[in-house]
Amino acid sequence: VRLVESGGGFVQPGGSLRLSCVASGFTFKNYRMAWARRVQGSPLQWVSRIYSDGRTEYIDSVKGRFTISRDNAKSEVYLQMNNVKPEDTAVYYCTMGIYEGPGTLVTVSS
């Protein structure tokens, strides 16, 4: 299994970012995918997940701001982050079961 995230960067509060994750090594369409984040010194926090049937779930703090989606033909999963807040600053990881990618850093600051 290989998961590679991209799209992180620096963004001002209220701005937007789109994270992408390319997956390989498994039958992507059959698996639930998720995004998680970690602030330095804190445990990994689940943010959003998308099931193989397209159902989505979000933690309360990102509901209405973040949107997870997937493209099974490309084996990719995305996280559209809108109206970001400083507390969204973290390293974001694409996850599948016990697997996670190397992460991409998102910094929200004015």
Foldseek 3Di string as FASTA:
>chain_A
DAKDKDWADEAEAQAKIKMKIADDDDQLLQFKKFKWWDDPPDDIGTAKIAHSVGDIDGDPVQPPFWDWDDDSVRRMIMIIGGRDDQVVFTFMWMDTVVDIHPTHTHGYHD
